[in-house]
Amino acid sequence: MSHTRLHSDGRTRCSWVTDDDIYVRYHDLEWGSEGRGQRELFEAICLEGFQAGLSWITILKRREGFRQAFENFDIEKVARFDANKIEELMLNPGIIRNRAKIISVINNANVVLDKKLDLTELIWSHAPKVRQTPAEGFTWQATSSESVALSKTLRKLGFSFVGPTTMYALMQSSGLVQDHAPGCFRRA
């Protein structure tokens, strides 16, 4: 099975990348790039949580809607969302209208503030010692011992929608692991 595919622009990309421009741009410019900012990592946790059970392209196509609805993932603003705001978000067609996931975002913002967490320090402390997946015998995986540990740490702190698979996806997207397939132009 090939883990890459040649696109019409002449670039070889990971096989999961469709021809959708949003997916191509995301893969080429973001996926696997090191994310280290507080707001940036909070957004990543939230969007990965919303993605649970859905395709990533569904989230990418609504990302701007999520950013508008959640005040650009400003942690202090999100932490102040109340029941009225939750009801407003449940009517917002620009996001995934899942009450449990919306409440999770608000909860997670409050955890960050209440515990004065530095998300960069917390998340990157769970990065594997070897960032690059070996080329030989390459397979995409759903979890790792590090994503399991990160999930446990976050759950213990009070976060929700941060299971091991979701946290492995966060590690991939935020560059904690380098999972571009051998042959993908981004792997180098």
N, C-alpha and C. Protein backbone atom coordinates (compact mmCIF):
# COMPACT_ATOMS: atom_id res chain seq x y z
N MET A 1 0.84 -1.19 0.00
CA MET A 1 0.00 0.00 0.00
C MET A 1 0.88 1.25 0.00
N SER A 2 0.60 2.15 -0.89
CA SER A 2 1.38 3.38 -0.96
C SER A 2 0.84 4.39 0.05
N HIS A 3 1.73 5.03 0.73
CA HIS A 3 1.35 6.04 1.72
C HIS A 3 1.39 7.44 1.14
N THR A 4 1.73 7.54 -0.15
CA THR A 4 1.77 8.84 -0.81
C THR A 4 1.02 8.76 -2.13
N ARG A 5 0.77 9.96 -2.67
CA ARG A 5 0.13 10.03 -3.97
C ARG A 5 0.59 11.30 -4.66
N LEU A 6 0.81 11.18 -5.96
CA LEU A 6 1.24 12.31 -6.78
C LEU A 6 0.01 13.15 -7.13
N HIS A 7 0.09 14.44 -6.85
CA HIS A 7 -1.02 15.35 -7.15
C HIS A 7 -0.78 16.03 -8.50
N SER A 8 -1.82 16.64 -9.03
CA SER A 8 -1.76 17.27 -10.35
C SER A 8 -0.75 18.41 -10.43
N ASP A 9 -0.35 18.97 -9.27
CA ASP A 9 0.64 20.05 -9.28
C ASP A 9 2.07 19.51 -9.29
N GLY A 10 2.22 18.17 -9.36
CA GLY A 10 3.53 17.54 -9.43
C GLY A 10 4.15 17.22 -8.08
N ARG A 11 3.46 17.54 -7.00
CA ARG A 11 3.97 17.27 -5.66
C ARG A 11 3.43 15.94 -5.14
N THR A 12 4.30 15.22 -4.47
CA THR A 12 3.90 13.97 -3.83
C THR A 12 3.56 14.28 -2.38
N ARG A 13 2.33 13.91 -2.00
CA ARG A 13 1.83 14.19 -0.66
C ARG A 13 1.37 12.90 0.01
N CYS A 14 1.16 12.99 1.32
CA CYS A 14 0.59 11.87 2.06
C CYS A 14 -0.71 11.44 1.39
N SER A 15 -0.98 10.15 1.37
CA SER A 15 -2.13 9.62 0.63
C SER A 15 -3.48 10.08 1.17
N TRP A 16 -3.53 10.52 2.42
CA TRP A 16 -4.81 10.96 2.98
C TRP A 16 -5.26 12.32 2.46
N VAL A 17 -4.38 13.03 1.78
CA VAL A 17 -4.71 14.36 1.27
C VAL A 17 -5.50 14.21 -0.03
N THR A 18 -6.73 14.72 -0.01
CA THR A 18 -7.56 14.70 -1.21
C THR A 18 -7.15 15.85 -2.13
N ASP A 19 -7.89 16.05 -3.20
CA ASP A 19 -7.62 17.17 -4.10
C ASP A 19 -8.29 18.46 -3.65
N ASP A 20 -9.01 18.42 -2.55
CA ASP A 20 -9.67 19.60 -2.01
C ASP A 20 -8.61 20.63 -1.62
N ASP A 21 -8.75 21.86 -2.13
CA ASP A 21 -7.77 22.92 -1.87
C ASP A 21 -7.54 23.16 -0.37
N ILE A 22 -8.61 23.06 0.43
CA ILE A 22 -8.47 23.28 1.87
C ILE A 22 -7.55 22.23 2.47
N TYR A 23 -7.74 20.98 2.07
CA TYR A 23 -6.91 19.88 2.57
C TYR A 23 -5.46 20.02 2.11
N VAL A 24 -5.28 20.36 0.84
CA VAL A 24 -3.92 20.52 0.30
C VAL A 24 -3.18 21.63 1.04
N ARG A 25 -3.83 22.79 1.22
CA ARG A 25 -3.19 23.90 1.94
C ARG A 25 -2.87 23.51 3.38
N TYR A 26 -3.83 22.84 4.03
CA TYR A 26 -3.60 22.41 5.41
C TYR A 26 -2.40 21.48 5.50
N HIS A 27 -2.35 20.49 4.63
CA HIS A 27 -1.23 19.56 4.63
C HIS A 27 0.09 20.27 4.34
N ASP A 28 0.09 21.13 3.32
CA ASP A 28 1.33 21.76 2.87
C ASP A 28 1.86 22.82 3.82
N LEU A 29 0.97 23.52 4.51
CA LEU A 29 1.40 24.67 5.31
C LEU A 29 1.30 24.47 6.82
N GLU A 30 0.47 23.52 7.27
CA GLU A 30 0.23 23.42 8.71
C GLU A 30 0.54 22.06 9.32
N TRP A 31 -0.03 21.00 8.77
CA TRP A 31 0.03 19.70 9.43
C TRP A 31 1.48 19.28 9.65
N GLY A 32 1.83 19.05 10.89
CA GLY A 32 3.19 18.64 11.22
C GLY A 32 4.12 19.79 11.55
N SER A 33 3.64 21.03 11.42
CA SER A 33 4.45 22.19 11.79
C SER A 33 4.34 22.39 13.30
N GLU A 34 5.42 22.81 13.92
CA GLU A 34 5.43 22.95 15.37
C GLU A 34 4.50 24.05 15.85
N GLY A 35 3.53 23.65 16.66
CA GLY A 35 2.61 24.59 17.28
C GLY A 35 3.00 24.77 18.74
N ARG A 36 3.22 26.00 19.15
CA ARG A 36 3.70 26.22 20.52
C ARG A 36 3.00 27.34 21.26
N GLY A 37 2.12 28.08 20.62
CA GLY A 37 1.47 29.19 21.32
C GLY A 37 0.29 28.74 22.16
N GLN A 38 0.00 29.44 23.23
CA GLN A 38 -1.10 29.12 24.13
C GLN A 38 -2.43 29.08 23.39
N ARG A 39 -2.74 30.15 22.66
CA ARG A 39 -4.00 30.21 21.92
C ARG A 39 -4.02 29.16 20.82
N GLU A 40 -2.91 29.02 20.13
CA GLU A 40 -2.82 28.06 19.03
C GLU A 40 -3.06 26.62 19.51
N LEU A 41 -2.45 26.26 20.62
CA LEU A 41 -2.63 24.90 21.14
C LEU A 41 -4.02 24.71 21.73
N PHE A 42 -4.59 25.76 22.34
CA PHE A 42 -5.95 25.65 22.83
C PHE A 42 -6.90 25.41 21.66
N GLU A 43 -6.74 26.15 20.59
CA GLU A 43 -7.56 25.94 19.40
C GLU A 43 -7.39 24.51 18.88
N ALA A 44 -6.17 24.03 18.84
CA ALA A 44 -5.92 22.67 18.34
C ALA A 44 -6.63 21.63 19.20
N ILE A 45 -6.55 21.78 20.53
CA ILE A 45 -7.24 20.85 21.42
C ILE A 45 -8.75 20.88 21.15
N CYS A 46 -9.30 22.08 21.03
CA CYS A 46 -10.74 22.23 20.81
C CYS A 46 -11.17 21.62 19.47
N LEU A 47 -10.45 21.94 18.40
CA LEU A 47 -10.84 21.43 17.09
C LEU A 47 -10.66 19.92 17.00
N GLU A 48 -9.60 19.40 17.61
CA GLU A 48 -9.43 17.94 17.62
C GLU A 48 -10.57 17.29 18.40
N GLY A 49 -11.02 17.92 19.47
CA GLY A 49 -12.17 17.41 20.22
C GLY A 49 -13.44 17.41 19.39
N PHE A 50 -13.66 18.48 18.64
CA PHE A 50 -14.83 18.53 17.77
C PHE A 50 -14.74 17.49 16.66
N GLN A 51 -13.53 17.14 16.25
CA GLN A 51 -13.35 16.19 15.16
C GLN A 51 -13.70 14.77 15.57
N ALA A 52 -13.65 14.46 16.85
CA ALA A 52 -13.91 13.09 17.31
C ALA A 52 -15.18 12.55 16.67
N GLY A 53 -15.05 11.45 15.92
CA GLY A 53 -16.17 10.82 15.25
C GLY A 53 -16.50 11.40 13.88
N LEU A 54 -15.77 12.42 13.47
CA LEU A 54 -16.01 13.07 12.18
C LEU A 54 -14.72 13.07 11.36
N SER A 55 -14.82 13.46 10.11
CA SER A 55 -13.61 13.59 9.28
C SER A 55 -12.98 14.96 9.53
N TRP A 56 -11.67 15.02 9.37
CA TRP A 56 -10.95 16.27 9.61
C TRP A 56 -11.36 17.34 8.61
N ILE A 57 -11.67 16.95 7.38
CA ILE A 57 -12.07 17.93 6.37
C ILE A 57 -13.35 18.65 6.81
N THR A 58 -14.23 17.96 7.53
CA THR A 58 -15.45 18.58 8.06
C THR A 58 -15.09 19.74 8.99
N ILE A 59 -14.08 19.52 9.82
CA ILE A 59 -13.64 20.56 10.76
C ILE A 59 -12.94 21.69 10.01
N LEU A 60 -12.06 21.33 9.08
CA LEU A 60 -11.34 22.37 8.34
C LEU A 60 -12.29 23.30 7.59
N LYS A 61 -13.33 22.74 7.02
CA LYS A 61 -14.28 23.57 6.27
C LYS A 61 -15.08 24.50 7.17
N ARG A 62 -15.11 24.21 8.47
CA ARG A 62 -15.84 25.05 9.42
C ARG A 62 -14.90 25.82 10.36
N ARG A 63 -13.60 25.71 10.12
CA ARG A 63 -12.65 26.30 11.07
C ARG A 63 -12.87 27.80 11.27
N GLU A 64 -13.12 28.53 10.22
CA GLU A 64 -13.36 29.98 10.39
C GLU A 64 -14.63 30.23 11.18
N GLY A 65 -15.63 29.39 10.98
CA GLY A 65 -16.85 29.50 11.77
C GLY A 65 -16.59 29.23 13.24
N PHE A 66 -15.75 28.21 13.52
CA PHE A 66 -15.37 27.93 14.90
C PHE A 66 -14.62 29.12 15.50
N ARG A 67 -13.71 29.69 14.74
CA ARG A 67 -12.93 30.82 15.26
C ARG A 67 -13.83 32.00 15.60
N GLN A 68 -14.81 32.27 14.75
CA GLN A 68 -15.74 33.37 15.04
C GLN A 68 -16.60 33.03 16.26
N ALA A 69 -17.13 31.84 16.28
CA ALA A 69 -18.04 31.44 17.36
C ALA A 69 -17.35 31.40 18.72
N PHE A 70 -16.07 31.01 18.73
CA PHE A 70 -15.34 30.86 19.98
C PHE A 70 -14.31 31.98 20.19
N GLU A 71 -14.65 33.18 19.69
CA GLU A 71 -13.83 34.37 19.97
C GLU A 71 -12.35 34.14 19.65
N ASN A 72 -12.09 33.52 18.50
CA ASN A 72 -10.73 33.19 18.07
C ASN A 72 -9.99 32.37 19.13
N PHE A 73 -10.74 31.58 19.86
CA PHE A 73 -10.22 30.70 20.91
C PHE A 73 -9.42 31.46 21.96
N ASP A 74 -9.89 32.66 22.25
CA ASP A 74 -9.34 33.44 23.37
C ASP A 74 -9.80 32.75 24.65
N ILE A 75 -8.88 32.18 25.38
CA ILE A 75 -9.21 31.34 26.52
C ILE A 75 -10.02 32.09 27.57
N GLU A 76 -9.66 33.31 27.88
CA GLU A 76 -10.39 34.07 28.90
C GLU A 76 -11.82 34.37 28.46
N LYS A 77 -12.02 34.70 27.20
CA LYS A 77 -13.37 34.97 26.71
C LYS A 77 -14.22 33.70 26.69
N VAL A 78 -13.65 32.60 26.21
CA VAL A 78 -14.38 31.33 26.15
C VAL A 78 -14.77 30.86 27.55
N ALA A 79 -13.89 31.05 28.51
CA ALA A 79 -14.17 30.61 29.89
C ALA A 79 -15.40 31.32 30.47
N ARG A 80 -15.75 32.49 29.94
CA ARG A 80 -16.89 33.24 30.44
C ARG A 80 -18.21 32.90 29.72
N PHE A 81 -18.17 32.01 28.75
CA PHE A 81 -19.40 31.64 28.05
C PHE A 81 -20.38 31.05 29.05
N ASP A 82 -21.65 31.44 28.93
CA ASP A 82 -22.68 30.97 29.85
C ASP A 82 -23.73 30.14 29.11
N ALA A 83 -24.80 29.80 29.81
CA ALA A 83 -25.87 28.97 29.23
C ALA A 83 -26.49 29.63 28.00
N ASN A 84 -26.65 30.95 28.03
CA ASN A 84 -27.21 31.65 26.87
C ASN A 84 -26.29 31.52 25.67
N LYS A 85 -24.99 31.62 25.90
CA LYS A 85 -24.02 31.50 24.81
C LYS A 85 -24.04 30.07 24.25
N ILE A 86 -24.18 29.09 25.13
CA ILE A 86 -24.25 27.70 24.67
C ILE A 86 -25.46 27.52 23.74
N GLU A 87 -26.60 28.09 24.13
CA GLU A 87 -27.80 27.99 23.29
C GLU A 87 -27.59 28.69 21.95
N GLU A 88 -26.91 29.84 21.98
CA GLU A 88 -26.59 30.57 20.74
C GLU A 88 -25.71 29.71 19.84
N LEU A 89 -24.71 29.06 20.44
CA LEU A 89 -23.81 28.21 19.66
C LEU A 89 -24.54 26.99 19.09
N MET A 90 -25.52 26.49 19.81
CA MET A 90 -26.30 25.34 19.33
C MET A 90 -27.11 25.68 18.08
N LEU A 91 -27.30 26.96 17.82
CA LEU A 91 -28.03 27.39 16.63
C LEU A 91 -27.10 27.85 15.51
N ASN A 92 -25.81 27.81 15.73
CA ASN A 92 -24.82 28.33 14.79
C ASN A 92 -24.49 27.29 13.71
N PRO A 93 -24.91 27.52 12.47
CA PRO A 93 -24.64 26.55 11.40
C PRO A 93 -23.17 26.52 10.96
N GLY A 94 -22.37 27.45 11.45
CA GLY A 94 -20.96 27.52 11.06
C GLY A 94 -20.05 26.60 11.85
N ILE A 95 -20.63 25.89 12.85
CA ILE A 95 -19.83 24.98 13.67
C ILE A 95 -20.54 23.62 13.75
N ILE A 96 -19.91 22.68 14.41
CA ILE A 96 -20.55 21.41 14.72
C ILE A 96 -21.38 21.65 15.98
N ARG A 97 -22.68 21.48 15.89
CA ARG A 97 -23.57 21.81 16.99
C ARG A 97 -23.79 20.59 17.89
N ASN A 98 -22.76 20.29 18.64
CA ASN A 98 -22.78 19.18 19.58
C ASN A 98 -22.63 19.78 20.97
N ARG A 99 -23.69 19.70 21.77
CA ARG A 99 -23.71 20.35 23.08
C ARG A 99 -22.55 19.89 23.97
N ALA A 100 -22.29 18.59 24.00
CA ALA A 100 -21.22 18.07 24.86
C ALA A 100 -19.86 18.63 24.45
N LYS A 101 -19.63 18.77 23.16
CA LYS A 101 -18.36 19.30 22.68
C LYS A 101 -18.23 20.80 22.94
N ILE A 102 -19.34 21.52 22.80
CA ILE A 102 -19.34 22.95 23.10
C ILE A 102 -19.04 23.17 24.58
N ILE A 103 -19.72 22.43 25.43
CA ILE A 103 -19.49 22.54 26.87
C ILE A 103 -18.06 22.15 27.22
N SER A 104 -17.52 21.18 26.51
CA SER A 104 -16.13 20.75 26.73
C SER A 104 -15.15 21.89 26.47
N VAL A 105 -15.36 22.64 25.41
CA VAL A 105 -14.47 23.76 25.09
C VAL A 105 -14.48 24.77 26.23
N ILE A 106 -15.66 25.08 26.73
CA ILE A 106 -15.78 26.04 27.83
C ILE A 106 -15.11 25.49 29.08
N ASN A 107 -15.38 24.24 29.38
CA ASN A 107 -14.75 23.57 30.52
C ASN A 107 -13.23 23.61 30.40
N ASN A 108 -12.72 23.25 29.24
CA ASN A 108 -11.27 23.19 29.06
C ASN A 108 -10.63 24.57 29.20
N ALA A 109 -11.32 25.61 28.75
CA ALA A 109 -10.82 26.98 28.94
C ALA A 109 -10.73 27.30 30.42
N ASN A 110 -11.74 26.92 31.18
CA ASN A 110 -11.73 27.16 32.62
C ASN A 110 -10.63 26.37 33.32
N VAL A 111 -10.36 25.16 32.88
CA VAL A 111 -9.28 24.37 33.46
C VAL A 111 -7.94 25.08 33.24
N VAL A 112 -7.72 25.56 32.01
CA VAL A 112 -6.46 26.26 31.70
C VAL A 112 -6.29 27.46 32.63
N LEU A 113 -7.35 28.23 32.79
CA LEU A 113 -7.26 29.43 33.64
C LEU A 113 -7.15 29.09 35.12
N ASP A 114 -8.02 28.20 35.59
CA ASP A 114 -8.04 27.87 37.02
C ASP A 114 -6.72 27.28 37.50
N LYS A 115 -6.10 26.49 36.65
CA LYS A 115 -4.86 25.81 37.03
C LYS A 115 -3.62 26.55 36.51
N LYS A 116 -3.87 27.70 35.86
CA LYS A 116 -2.78 28.53 35.33
C LYS A 116 -1.80 27.70 34.49
N LEU A 117 -2.36 26.96 33.55
CA LEU A 117 -1.57 26.03 32.74
C LEU A 117 -0.87 26.74 31.59
N ASP A 118 0.33 26.35 31.34
CA ASP A 118 1.07 26.74 30.15
C ASP A 118 0.93 25.56 29.20
N LEU A 119 0.05 25.69 28.21
CA LEU A 119 -0.22 24.56 27.31
C LEU A 119 1.01 24.13 26.52
N THR A 120 1.83 25.09 26.15
CA THR A 120 3.05 24.74 25.42
C THR A 120 3.91 23.81 26.26
N GLU A 121 4.17 24.21 27.48
CA GLU A 121 5.01 23.41 28.37
C GLU A 121 4.35 22.05 28.64
N LEU A 122 3.07 22.06 28.94
CA LEU A 122 2.35 20.83 29.27
C LEU A 122 2.34 19.85 28.10
N ILE A 123 1.93 20.31 26.95
CA ILE A 123 1.80 19.41 25.79
C ILE A 123 3.16 18.95 25.30
N TRP A 124 4.10 19.88 25.15
CA TRP A 124 5.42 19.50 24.63
C TRP A 124 6.22 18.65 25.61
N SER A 125 5.86 18.63 26.87
CA SER A 125 6.54 17.74 27.81
C SER A 125 6.20 16.28 27.52
N HIS A 126 5.19 16.04 26.69
CA HIS A 126 4.80 14.69 26.31
C HIS A 126 5.29 14.31 24.91
N ALA A 127 6.09 15.17 24.31
CA ALA A 127 6.62 14.86 22.96
C ALA A 127 7.55 13.66 23.04
N PRO A 128 7.47 12.78 22.05
CA PRO A 128 8.39 11.64 22.04
C PRO A 128 9.84 12.11 21.86
N LYS A 129 10.76 11.31 22.37
CA LYS A 129 12.18 11.67 22.25
C LYS A 129 12.62 11.70 20.79
N VAL A 130 12.06 10.81 19.97
CA VAL A 130 12.34 10.79 18.54
C VAL A 130 11.10 11.33 17.84
N ARG A 131 11.26 12.46 17.15
CA ARG A 131 10.13 13.15 16.54
C ARG A 131 9.71 12.49 15.23
N GLN A 132 10.63 11.93 14.50
CA GLN A 132 10.35 11.41 13.16
C GLN A 132 10.02 9.93 13.22
N THR A 133 8.92 9.55 12.58
CA THR A 133 8.57 8.15 12.44
C THR A 133 9.54 7.51 11.44
N PRO A 134 10.11 6.35 11.77
CA PRO A 134 11.05 5.71 10.85
C PRO A 134 10.42 5.46 9.48
N ALA A 135 11.22 5.57 8.42
CA ALA A 135 10.74 5.35 7.06
C ALA A 135 10.45 3.87 6.81
N GLU A 136 11.32 3.02 7.29
CA GLU A 136 11.13 1.59 7.05
C GLU A 136 10.00 1.06 7.92
N GLY A 137 9.09 0.36 7.31
CA GLY A 137 7.96 -0.17 8.03
C GLY A 137 6.96 0.90 8.46
N PHE A 138 6.95 2.03 7.75
CA PHE A 138 6.08 3.16 8.10
C PHE A 138 4.61 2.77 8.07
N THR A 139 3.90 3.12 9.11
CA THR A 139 2.44 3.04 9.13
C THR A 139 1.95 4.20 9.99
N TRP A 140 0.79 4.73 9.61
CA TRP A 140 0.18 5.73 10.47
C TRP A 140 -0.46 5.00 11.63
N GLN A 141 -0.32 5.54 12.80
CA GLN A 141 -0.91 4.91 13.96
C GLN A 141 -1.97 5.82 14.55
N ALA A 142 -2.78 5.27 15.42
CA ALA A 142 -3.88 6.04 16.01
C ALA A 142 -3.52 6.59 17.39
N THR A 143 -2.60 5.92 18.08
CA THR A 143 -2.18 6.35 19.41
C THR A 143 -0.70 6.04 19.58
N SER A 144 -0.16 6.52 20.67
CA SER A 144 1.21 6.18 21.05
C SER A 144 1.25 6.20 22.58
N SER A 145 2.32 5.70 23.13
CA SER A 145 2.43 5.75 24.60
C SER A 145 2.41 7.20 25.08
N GLU A 146 2.97 8.10 24.28
CA GLU A 146 2.99 9.52 24.65
C GLU A 146 1.59 10.14 24.59
N SER A 147 0.79 9.76 23.58
CA SER A 147 -0.56 10.32 23.49
C SER A 147 -1.45 9.77 24.61
N VAL A 148 -1.21 8.53 25.00
CA VAL A 148 -1.94 7.95 26.13
C VAL A 148 -1.58 8.72 27.41
N ALA A 149 -0.29 8.99 27.59
CA ALA A 149 0.15 9.73 28.78
C ALA A 149 -0.40 11.15 28.79
N LEU A 150 -0.37 11.83 27.64
CA LEU A 150 -0.90 13.19 27.55
C LEU A 150 -2.40 13.18 27.86
N SER A 151 -3.11 12.23 27.31
CA SER A 151 -4.54 12.11 27.57
C SER A 151 -4.81 11.95 29.07
N LYS A 152 -4.06 11.07 29.71
CA LYS A 152 -4.24 10.84 31.15
C LYS A 152 -3.95 12.10 31.94
N THR A 153 -2.89 12.80 31.58
CA THR A 153 -2.53 14.04 32.27
C THR A 153 -3.64 15.07 32.14
N LEU A 154 -4.12 15.27 30.92
CA LEU A 154 -5.16 16.27 30.69
C LEU A 154 -6.47 15.89 31.39
N ARG A 155 -6.83 14.63 31.33
CA ARG A 155 -8.06 14.19 32.01
C ARG A 155 -7.96 14.40 33.52
N LYS A 156 -6.79 14.10 34.07
CA LYS A 156 -6.58 14.27 35.51
C LYS A 156 -6.73 15.75 35.90
N LEU A 157 -6.33 16.64 35.00
CA LEU A 157 -6.47 18.07 35.25
C LEU A 157 -7.91 18.55 35.11
N GLY A 158 -8.74 17.75 34.43
CA GLY A 158 -10.15 18.11 34.27
C GLY A 158 -10.60 18.35 32.85
N PHE A 159 -9.72 18.17 31.86
CA PHE A 159 -10.08 18.34 30.45
C PHE A 159 -11.03 17.22 30.01
N SER A 160 -11.80 17.51 28.96
CA SER A 160 -12.65 16.49 28.35
C SER A 160 -12.43 16.49 26.84
N PHE A 161 -12.88 15.42 26.19
CA PHE A 161 -12.66 15.19 24.76
C PHE A 161 -11.17 15.23 24.42
N VAL A 162 -10.38 14.56 25.23
CA VAL A 162 -8.93 14.51 25.03
C VAL A 162 -8.43 13.06 25.12
N GLY A 163 -9.13 12.15 24.46
CA GLY A 163 -8.72 10.75 24.47
C GLY A 163 -7.40 10.54 23.78
N PRO A 164 -6.80 9.36 23.92
CA PRO A 164 -5.49 9.07 23.34
C PRO A 164 -5.42 9.25 21.82
N THR A 165 -6.49 8.86 21.11
CA THR A 165 -6.49 9.02 19.65
C THR A 165 -6.57 10.49 19.28
N THR A 166 -7.40 11.24 19.98
CA THR A 166 -7.52 12.68 19.75
C THR A 166 -6.20 13.38 20.05
N MET A 167 -5.52 12.95 21.11
CA MET A 167 -4.25 13.58 21.46
C MET A 167 -3.14 13.17 20.50
N TYR A 168 -3.22 11.98 19.92
CA TYR A 168 -2.23 11.63 18.91
C TYR A 168 -2.42 12.51 17.66
N ALA A 169 -3.68 12.74 17.29
CA ALA A 169 -3.95 13.64 16.16
C ALA A 169 -3.41 15.04 16.46
N LEU A 170 -3.56 15.51 17.69
CA LEU A 170 -2.99 16.80 18.10
C LEU A 170 -1.47 16.77 17.95
N MET A 171 -0.85 15.67 18.38
CA MET A 171 0.61 15.56 18.28
C MET A 171 1.06 15.60 16.82
N GLN A 172 0.29 14.98 15.94
CA GLN A 172 0.62 15.02 14.51
C GLN A 172 0.45 16.43 13.96
N SER A 173 -0.69 17.03 14.21
CA SER A 173 -0.97 18.33 13.62
C SER A 173 -0.07 19.43 14.17
N SER A 174 0.31 19.31 15.45
CA SER A 174 1.13 20.35 16.09
C SER A 174 2.61 20.05 16.05
N GLY A 175 3.01 19.03 15.33
CA GLY A 175 4.43 18.77 15.09
C GLY A 175 5.18 18.07 16.19
N LEU A 176 4.50 17.51 17.18
CA LEU A 176 5.20 16.76 18.21
C LEU A 176 5.75 15.46 17.64
N VAL A 177 5.06 14.94 16.65
CA VAL A 177 5.55 13.80 15.87
C VAL A 177 5.56 14.22 14.42
N GLN A 178 6.46 13.66 13.67
CA GLN A 178 6.57 13.96 12.24
C GLN A 178 6.06 12.74 11.49
N ASP A 179 4.79 12.78 11.11
CA ASP A 179 4.18 11.63 10.48
C ASP A 179 3.89 11.82 8.99
N HIS A 180 4.59 12.75 8.35
CA HIS A 180 4.47 12.80 6.89
C HIS A 180 5.09 11.51 6.35
N ALA A 181 4.41 10.90 5.42
CA ALA A 181 4.83 9.61 4.89
C ALA A 181 6.15 9.72 4.13
N PRO A 182 6.95 8.66 4.15
CA PRO A 182 8.17 8.65 3.33
C PRO A 182 7.79 8.91 1.87
N GLY A 183 8.47 9.84 1.24
CA GLY A 183 8.16 10.21 -0.13
C GLY A 183 7.34 11.49 -0.23
N CYS A 184 6.67 11.87 0.86
CA CYS A 184 5.92 13.13 0.88
C CYS A 184 6.92 14.28 0.88
N PHE A 185 6.64 15.30 0.09
CA PHE A 185 7.60 16.42 0.00
C PHE A 185 7.75 17.13 1.33
N ARG A 186 6.79 17.03 2.24
CA ARG A 186 6.89 17.70 3.54
C ARG A 186 7.75 16.92 4.54
N ARG A 187 7.99 15.64 4.29
CA ARG A 187 8.73 14.84 5.26
C ARG A 187 10.16 15.35 5.44
N ALA A 188 10.75 15.80 4.39
CA ALA A 188 12.13 16.30 4.47
C ALA A 188 12.17 17.56 5.30
